[in-house]
Amino acid sequence: MAFDKRIKALPVRLKQQGESGLKIAEFLEKHPKVQRVHYPGLKSSEDYELSKKQMKGYTGLISFELKNKSFQELIKVINSCKVFKIGVSWGGYESLILSEFRGNNQEHLEEIKVSSSLIRLSVGFEPVELLINDISNALNSI
């Protein structure tokens, strides 16, 4: 029975996560310490036109690259987050943050053409203002 209640709430959760994801992506795109944001809902995305045709909304999954490729700054951003928790289980209620460096080395990332400064976010169910403030404080710590 609890499973049925979670499924019924899924459309509302996905809608909020998508709306929050877009707001966070727009915030990150304007931040001076961010090099690039990967999110299909941004007009600057190379996939924007295609995503408008194929999608009814956007997700809470975002990735972005720091301007400074320093491993120390990457870790500082991730560890400075208080609301975003370090984790890999996308799609839950809580917001998560993760680096591709987890389990990979620099050479492997270069081989698969992934930036060493890439950070991935999974937007949860927290208020978007709280999430933007959290990531803003983390970015401003570097």
Foldseek 3Di string as FASTA:
>chain_A
DVVVVVVVCVVVFFQVLQVLLVVLQVLLVPDPQWDDKAFCCDPPHPCVVVCVVVDPTGGNKIKTFTPDLDPVLLVQLQVQFDQADDDDDADEQGKHKYFPCVVDDPVVCVVVVHRSRMMMMHHHNDDSVSVNVRSVVSNVVD
